[in-house]
Amino acid sequence: MPQALSVRLVLFDLDGTLVHSAPDLAYAANLMLADLGRPPLPPERITAWVGNGMARLVKRVLTGELDGEPEKALYERGLERFRTHYAANLTRETRPYPGAVAALEALAARGFALGCATNKPEVFTRPLLAALGLARFMCVVVGGDTVAARKPEPLPLLYACERAGVVPARAVLVGDSANDVLGARRAGLRSVAVTYGYNQGRDVRALGPDVVVDSLVELPQYLRLHPAE
């Protein structure tokens, strides 16, 4: 078993890490397609495109390609419709992953500071956390539009650490994708990767995180509360 990481702040990615949100993202995407006069896509296909932010998801749904670029007017219309539908369906089926709440409770009880660092815009992140009863755990929430960059850039993670009053070396990011592991590395944080979630089918172990877990229930055993400095 890997040596326990000595940290004070535990940051969590949201989609694919704390919550299974793909069903509602796919639902909103198909409502968007209907508004545009296009046929629906299989939810599992849309789910395979989740993981790199809302703008990229909309572009993938409109083009059918991972790196496709739709015509500008179509994209802007699509994004507007997607945002409207998603706001109305944030927690239609979205729920915390099994073990997520128990892990948050265990870490909070041991004195860790907890936060959320996601590429989802704050206007969706905060209501979702509140609706699912997760906001009570978070001392800091950083969305994809909170600062001028998104993961894997280091800025949002550095900002989260600053807001929490913890140096990056004493923080860890728990996530499900390359954006999380690479972002943590660039910001000087430790990293934990979950094997479920949204990573376009890639094995998170190949990303080189410090720790890999199959469930957040396993997370507390890999973390040690660093003494106050």
Foldseek 3Di string as FASTA:
>chain_A
DFAFQAFQEEEEEPFFTFKPQLVLLLVLLQQLCVVVVHHHDPSVLLLLQPDDADLQSQQCSVPVDNPHDDDPVSSVSSSVSSVVSCLVCVPVPMATDPPNVVLLVVCVVVNHAYAYAYQYDPVSVVVSCVVRVNVVRHPYYHYNPNDDHHFVAQVSVCVRCVSVVHQQCRYEYEEAELRRQNSSVNNNHAYEHEQTGHYSPDGCVVSPGSYYYPHSNPVVVRHDHHDDD
